[in-house]
Amino acid sequence: MQAIVLVPLTLLLLFAIVQFSVAWCAKLALTAAAEDGLRYTQTNPTRAPESSAVQSVTSNAGFVSGLTVTSQRPSVDRLTVTVRGQVPAAFPGFSWTITGTATGPLEIFRPQGR
């Protein structure tokens, strides 16, 4: 009689641990991808970070789907890159959107005296 209660609870706990682990791995991969996109734009100021961020996610976390990469400049010399994606669900009907963000400085060269 105890097995009827313990087996489903144990399986539920096991699937919850697996789901959390997949989400945590995706969070780390998306944050690393946002940092890669930021670094790419810092070294190539005329280029957008989207291609580098998407390439980083597909090589490090191919299980993440529905990728969107956005970049914005909160000020003239700062850049914020945000990468969003969906992780596969261990439970049917459950979807989880994970976000990774990186913010950093951009070098802007100005003529002397300005």
N, C-alpha and C. Protein backbone atom coordinates (compact mmCIF):
# COMPACT_ATOMS: atom_id res chain seq x y z
N MET A 1 0.81 -1.20 0.00
CA MET A 1 0.00 0.00 0.00
C MET A 1 0.86 1.27 0.00
N GLN A 2 1.99 1.20 0.68
CA GLN A 2 2.86 2.37 0.73
C GLN A 2 3.50 2.64 -0.64
N ALA A 3 3.73 1.58 -1.39
CA ALA A 3 4.35 1.75 -2.72
C ALA A 3 3.44 2.51 -3.65
N ILE A 4 2.13 2.40 -3.48
CA ILE A 4 1.18 3.11 -4.33
C ILE A 4 1.34 4.62 -4.14
N VAL A 5 1.71 5.04 -2.97
CA VAL A 5 1.88 6.46 -2.68
C VAL A 5 3.32 6.90 -2.95
N LEU A 6 4.29 6.09 -2.58
CA LEU A 6 5.70 6.50 -2.66
C LEU A 6 6.25 6.51 -4.09
N VAL A 7 5.86 5.57 -4.93
CA VAL A 7 6.40 5.51 -6.29
C VAL A 7 6.01 6.75 -7.10
N PRO A 8 4.73 7.15 -7.15
CA PRO A 8 4.41 8.38 -7.90
C PRO A 8 5.07 9.63 -7.33
N LEU A 9 5.16 9.73 -6.01
CA LEU A 9 5.82 10.89 -5.42
C LEU A 9 7.31 10.91 -5.75
N THR A 10 7.93 9.74 -5.73
CA THR A 10 9.35 9.66 -6.07
C THR A 10 9.58 10.02 -7.54
N LEU A 11 8.72 9.52 -8.42
CA LEU A 11 8.84 9.87 -9.84
C LEU A 11 8.60 11.36 -10.08
N LEU A 12 7.62 11.93 -9.39
CA LEU A 12 7.36 13.36 -9.51
C LEU A 12 8.57 14.17 -9.05
N LEU A 13 9.17 13.77 -7.95
CA LEU A 13 10.36 14.46 -7.45
C LEU A 13 11.52 14.30 -8.43
N LEU A 14 11.69 13.11 -9.00
CA LEU A 14 12.75 12.88 -9.95
C LEU A 14 12.58 13.73 -11.20
N PHE A 15 11.36 13.80 -11.76
CA PHE A 15 11.12 14.63 -12.94
C PHE A 15 11.30 16.11 -12.63
N ALA A 16 10.92 16.53 -11.42
CA ALA A 16 11.12 17.93 -11.04
C ALA A 16 12.61 18.27 -10.97
N ILE A 17 13.41 17.36 -10.46
CA ILE A 17 14.86 17.59 -10.39
C ILE A 17 15.46 17.66 -11.80
N VAL A 18 15.02 16.77 -12.68
CA VAL A 18 15.51 16.79 -14.06
C VAL A 18 15.11 18.08 -14.75
N GLN A 19 13.85 18.51 -14.58
CA GLN A 19 13.38 19.74 -15.21
C GLN A 19 14.17 20.95 -14.71
N PHE A 20 14.41 21.03 -13.41
CA PHE A 20 15.17 22.14 -12.85
C PHE A 20 16.61 22.12 -13.39
N SER A 21 17.20 20.93 -13.51
CA SER A 21 18.57 20.83 -14.01
C SER A 21 18.67 21.29 -15.46
N VAL A 22 17.70 20.91 -16.28
CA VAL A 22 17.69 21.35 -17.68
C VAL A 22 17.52 22.86 -17.77
N ALA A 23 16.63 23.41 -16.94
CA ALA A 23 16.42 24.86 -16.94
C ALA A 23 17.67 25.59 -16.46
N TRP A 24 18.35 25.07 -15.48
CA TRP A 24 19.57 25.70 -14.97
C TRP A 24 20.67 25.68 -16.04
N CYS A 25 20.81 24.56 -16.73
CA CYS A 25 21.79 24.46 -17.81
C CYS A 25 21.46 25.46 -18.93
N ALA A 26 20.19 25.58 -19.26
CA ALA A 26 19.77 26.54 -20.29
C ALA A 26 20.05 27.97 -19.84
N LYS A 27 19.82 28.27 -18.58
CA LYS A 27 20.08 29.62 -18.06
C LYS A 27 21.57 29.97 -18.21
N LEU A 28 22.43 29.02 -17.86
CA LEU A 28 23.86 29.26 -17.98
C LEU A 28 24.27 29.43 -19.44
N ALA A 29 23.71 28.61 -20.33
CA ALA A 29 24.05 28.69 -21.75
C ALA A 29 23.55 30.00 -22.36
N LEU A 30 22.35 30.44 -21.99
CA LEU A 30 21.82 31.68 -22.55
C LEU A 30 22.57 32.90 -22.02
N THR A 31 22.98 32.87 -20.76
CA THR A 31 23.78 33.97 -20.22
C THR A 31 25.15 34.01 -20.91
N ALA A 32 25.75 32.85 -21.13
CA ALA A 32 27.03 32.80 -21.84
C ALA A 32 26.87 33.30 -23.27
N ALA A 33 25.75 32.98 -23.91
CA ALA A 33 25.50 33.45 -25.28
C ALA A 33 25.34 34.96 -25.31
N ALA A 34 24.64 35.52 -24.32
CA ALA A 34 24.50 36.97 -24.26
C ALA A 34 25.86 37.63 -24.05
N GLU A 35 26.70 37.03 -23.22
CA GLU A 35 28.05 37.57 -23.02
C GLU A 35 28.88 37.47 -24.29
N ASP A 36 28.73 36.37 -25.04
CA ASP A 36 29.44 36.24 -26.32
C ASP A 36 29.00 37.31 -27.30
N GLY A 37 27.69 37.55 -27.38
CA GLY A 37 27.17 38.59 -28.26
C GLY A 37 27.68 39.97 -27.86
N LEU A 38 27.74 40.22 -26.55
CA LEU A 38 28.26 41.50 -26.06
C LEU A 38 29.73 41.65 -26.41
N ARG A 39 30.52 40.60 -26.17
CA ARG A 39 31.95 40.65 -26.49
C ARG A 39 32.19 40.86 -27.99
N TYR A 40 31.37 40.20 -28.81
CA TYR A 40 31.50 40.34 -30.27
C TYR A 40 31.25 41.79 -30.68
N THR A 41 30.24 42.41 -30.10
CA THR A 41 29.95 43.81 -30.44
C THR A 41 31.00 44.75 -29.87
N GLN A 42 31.58 44.42 -28.72
CA GLN A 42 32.63 45.26 -28.16
C GLN A 42 33.87 45.26 -29.04
N THR A 43 34.16 44.13 -29.68
CA THR A 43 35.35 44.07 -30.53
C THR A 43 35.05 44.49 -31.97
N ASN A 44 33.78 44.42 -32.38
CA ASN A 44 33.34 44.84 -33.71
C ASN A 44 32.17 45.80 -33.56
N PRO A 45 32.42 47.06 -33.25
CA PRO A 45 31.32 47.97 -32.89
C PRO A 45 30.29 48.21 -33.99
N THR A 46 30.62 47.91 -35.23
CA THR A 46 29.64 48.15 -36.30
C THR A 46 28.74 46.94 -36.52
N ARG A 47 28.98 45.83 -35.82
CA ARG A 47 28.21 44.60 -36.01
C ARG A 47 27.20 44.40 -34.89
N ALA A 48 26.11 43.73 -35.19
CA ALA A 48 25.08 43.41 -34.20
C ALA A 48 25.45 42.10 -33.49
N PRO A 49 25.06 41.93 -32.23
CA PRO A 49 25.46 40.75 -31.47
C PRO A 49 24.61 39.51 -31.74
N GLU A 50 23.55 39.62 -32.54
CA GLU A 50 22.60 38.52 -32.69
C GLU A 50 23.22 37.24 -33.25
N SER A 51 24.01 37.36 -34.30
CA SER A 51 24.55 36.15 -34.94
C SER A 51 25.50 35.40 -34.02
N SER A 52 26.33 36.12 -33.29
CA SER A 52 27.27 35.48 -32.38
C SER A 52 26.53 34.81 -31.22
N ALA A 53 25.48 35.45 -30.70
CA ALA A 53 24.73 34.88 -29.59
C ALA A 53 23.99 33.62 -30.00
N VAL A 54 23.37 33.63 -31.16
CA VAL A 54 22.65 32.44 -31.64
C VAL A 54 23.62 31.30 -31.90
N GLN A 55 24.78 31.59 -32.47
CA GLN A 55 25.78 30.56 -32.72
C GLN A 55 26.26 29.95 -31.41
N SER A 56 26.44 30.77 -30.38
CA SER A 56 26.88 30.27 -29.09
C SER A 56 25.85 29.35 -28.45
N VAL A 57 24.56 29.71 -28.55
CA VAL A 57 23.51 28.88 -27.96
C VAL A 57 23.41 27.55 -28.69
N THR A 58 23.44 27.57 -30.01
CA THR A 58 23.29 26.32 -30.75
C THR A 58 24.47 25.39 -30.53
N SER A 59 25.65 25.92 -30.27
CA SER A 59 26.79 25.04 -30.02
C SER A 59 26.84 24.56 -28.58
N ASN A 60 26.33 25.34 -27.62
CA ASN A 60 26.41 24.96 -26.21
C ASN A 60 25.13 24.34 -25.66
N ALA A 61 23.99 24.70 -26.21
CA ALA A 61 22.72 24.19 -25.70
C ALA A 61 21.75 24.04 -26.86
N GLY A 62 21.96 23.00 -27.64
CA GLY A 62 21.12 22.78 -28.81
C GLY A 62 19.69 22.43 -28.49
N PHE A 63 19.42 22.07 -27.23
CA PHE A 63 18.06 21.70 -26.83
C PHE A 63 17.15 22.90 -26.60
N VAL A 64 17.69 24.10 -26.57
CA VAL A 64 16.88 25.31 -26.38
C VAL A 64 16.27 25.70 -27.71
N SER A 65 14.96 25.96 -27.71
CA SER A 65 14.27 26.31 -28.95
C SER A 65 13.65 27.69 -28.84
N GLY A 66 13.19 28.22 -29.96
CA GLY A 66 12.51 29.52 -29.96
C GLY A 66 13.41 30.67 -29.52
N LEU A 67 14.62 30.69 -30.02
CA LEU A 67 15.58 31.72 -29.60
C LEU A 67 15.20 33.10 -30.12
N THR A 68 15.28 34.09 -29.26
CA THR A 68 15.18 35.48 -29.66
C THR A 68 16.33 36.24 -29.00
N VAL A 69 16.98 37.06 -29.77
CA VAL A 69 18.10 37.87 -29.27
C VAL A 69 17.76 39.32 -29.51
N THR A 70 17.82 40.11 -28.45
CA THR A 70 17.59 41.55 -28.58
C THR A 70 18.78 42.28 -27.96
N SER A 71 19.07 43.44 -28.53
CA SER A 71 20.12 44.28 -27.98
C SER A 71 19.59 45.71 -27.91
N GLN A 72 19.98 46.38 -26.85
CA GLN A 72 19.58 47.78 -26.70
C GLN A 72 20.68 48.54 -25.99
N ARG A 73 20.68 49.82 -26.25
CA ARG A 73 21.68 50.69 -25.63
C ARG A 73 20.98 51.60 -24.62
N PRO A 74 21.11 51.28 -23.33
CA PRO A 74 20.50 52.14 -22.32
C PRO A 74 21.14 53.53 -22.27
N SER A 75 22.40 53.61 -22.67
CA SER A 75 23.09 54.89 -22.79
C SER A 75 24.02 54.79 -23.99
N VAL A 76 24.71 55.87 -24.29
CA VAL A 76 25.55 55.91 -25.48
C VAL A 76 26.69 54.90 -25.41
N ASP A 77 27.25 54.69 -24.23
CA ASP A 77 28.43 53.84 -24.12
C ASP A 77 28.16 52.51 -23.40
N ARG A 78 26.90 52.06 -23.33
CA ARG A 78 26.56 50.77 -22.71
C ARG A 78 25.70 49.96 -23.68
N LEU A 79 25.81 48.65 -23.59
CA LEU A 79 25.02 47.76 -24.43
C LEU A 79 24.47 46.64 -23.56
N THR A 80 23.20 46.30 -23.76
CA THR A 80 22.58 45.18 -23.07
C THR A 80 22.11 44.18 -24.13
N VAL A 81 22.52 42.93 -23.97
CA VAL A 81 22.11 41.85 -24.88
C VAL A 81 21.27 40.88 -24.07
N THR A 82 20.09 40.55 -24.59
CA THR A 82 19.18 39.62 -23.93
C THR A 82 18.87 38.47 -24.87
N VAL A 83 19.02 37.25 -24.37
CA VAL A 83 18.73 36.05 -25.15
C VAL A 83 17.63 35.28 -24.43
N ARG A 84 16.55 34.95 -25.16
CA ARG A 84 15.44 34.18 -24.59
C ARG A 84 15.25 32.90 -25.38
N GLY A 85 14.84 31.84 -24.67
CA GLY A 85 14.57 30.57 -25.33
C GLY A 85 13.70 29.69 -24.46
N GLN A 86 13.13 28.66 -25.05
CA GLN A 86 12.27 27.74 -24.33
C GLN A 86 13.00 26.42 -24.13
N VAL A 87 12.89 25.88 -22.92
CA VAL A 87 13.50 24.58 -22.62
C VAL A 87 12.46 23.48 -22.79
N PRO A 88 12.89 22.28 -23.14
CA PRO A 88 11.95 21.18 -23.25
C PRO A 88 11.35 20.86 -21.88
N ALA A 89 10.12 20.42 -21.88
CA ALA A 89 9.40 20.16 -20.63
C ALA A 89 9.42 18.68 -20.28
N ALA A 90 9.66 18.39 -19.00
CA ALA A 90 9.56 17.02 -18.50
C ALA A 90 8.10 16.67 -18.23
N PHE A 91 7.28 17.68 -18.02
CA PHE A 91 5.86 17.49 -17.76
C PHE A 91 5.06 17.96 -18.98
N PRO A 92 4.09 17.20 -19.44
CA PRO A 92 3.30 17.62 -20.60
C PRO A 92 2.51 18.90 -20.31
N GLY A 93 2.47 19.78 -21.31
CA GLY A 93 1.72 21.02 -21.18
C GLY A 93 2.44 22.11 -20.39
N PHE A 94 3.67 21.87 -20.03
CA PHE A 94 4.44 22.83 -19.23
C PHE A 94 5.54 23.41 -20.11
N SER A 95 5.60 24.72 -20.23
CA SER A 95 6.69 25.34 -20.98
C SER A 95 7.37 26.37 -20.09
N TRP A 96 8.66 26.50 -20.30
CA TRP A 96 9.44 27.39 -19.46
C TRP A 96 10.33 28.24 -20.35
N THR A 97 10.15 29.55 -20.28
CA THR A 97 10.99 30.47 -21.04
C THR A 97 12.11 30.96 -20.13
N ILE A 98 13.33 30.81 -20.59
CA ILE A 98 14.52 31.19 -19.82
C ILE A 98 15.16 32.40 -20.50
N THR A 99 15.70 33.30 -19.70
CA THR A 99 16.33 34.51 -20.21
C THR A 99 17.75 34.63 -19.69
N GLY A 100 18.67 35.01 -20.57
CA GLY A 100 20.04 35.33 -20.18
C GLY A 100 20.36 36.75 -20.64
N THR A 101 20.98 37.52 -19.76
CA THR A 101 21.26 38.93 -20.05
C THR A 101 22.71 39.27 -19.72
N ALA A 102 23.29 40.12 -20.54
CA ALA A 102 24.63 40.65 -20.28
C ALA A 102 24.65 42.13 -20.63
N THR A 103 25.28 42.92 -19.77
CA THR A 103 25.41 44.36 -19.97
C THR A 103 26.88 44.73 -19.83
N GLY A 104 27.35 45.60 -20.71
CA GLY A 104 28.74 46.01 -20.63
C GLY A 104 29.00 47.31 -21.36
N PRO A 105 30.21 47.83 -21.20
CA PRO A 105 30.55 49.10 -21.84
C PRO A 105 30.93 48.92 -23.31
N LEU A 106 30.73 49.98 -24.06
CA LEU A 106 31.18 50.07 -25.44
C LEU A 106 32.16 51.22 -25.53
N GLU A 107 33.21 51.03 -26.27
CA GLU A 107 34.17 52.11 -26.46
C GLU A 107 33.69 53.00 -27.59
N ILE A 108 33.65 54.27 -27.33
CA ILE A 108 33.27 55.24 -28.34
C ILE A 108 34.42 56.23 -28.45
N PHE A 109 34.98 56.30 -29.63
CA PHE A 109 36.11 57.20 -29.84
C PHE A 109 35.59 58.55 -30.30
N ARG A 110 35.99 59.58 -29.60
CA ARG A 110 35.59 60.95 -29.91
C ARG A 110 36.83 61.79 -30.16
N PRO A 111 36.72 62.76 -31.03
CA PRO A 111 37.86 63.66 -31.24
C PRO A 111 38.20 64.40 -29.94
N GLN A 112 39.45 64.72 -29.79
CA GLN A 112 39.90 65.40 -28.59
C GLN A 112 39.22 66.75 -28.47
N GLY A 113 38.80 67.07 -27.27
CA GLY A 113 38.15 68.36 -27.01
C GLY A 113 36.64 68.29 -27.05
N ARG A 114 36.04 67.16 -27.29
CA ARG A 114 34.59 67.03 -27.32
C ARG A 114 34.07 66.22 -26.18
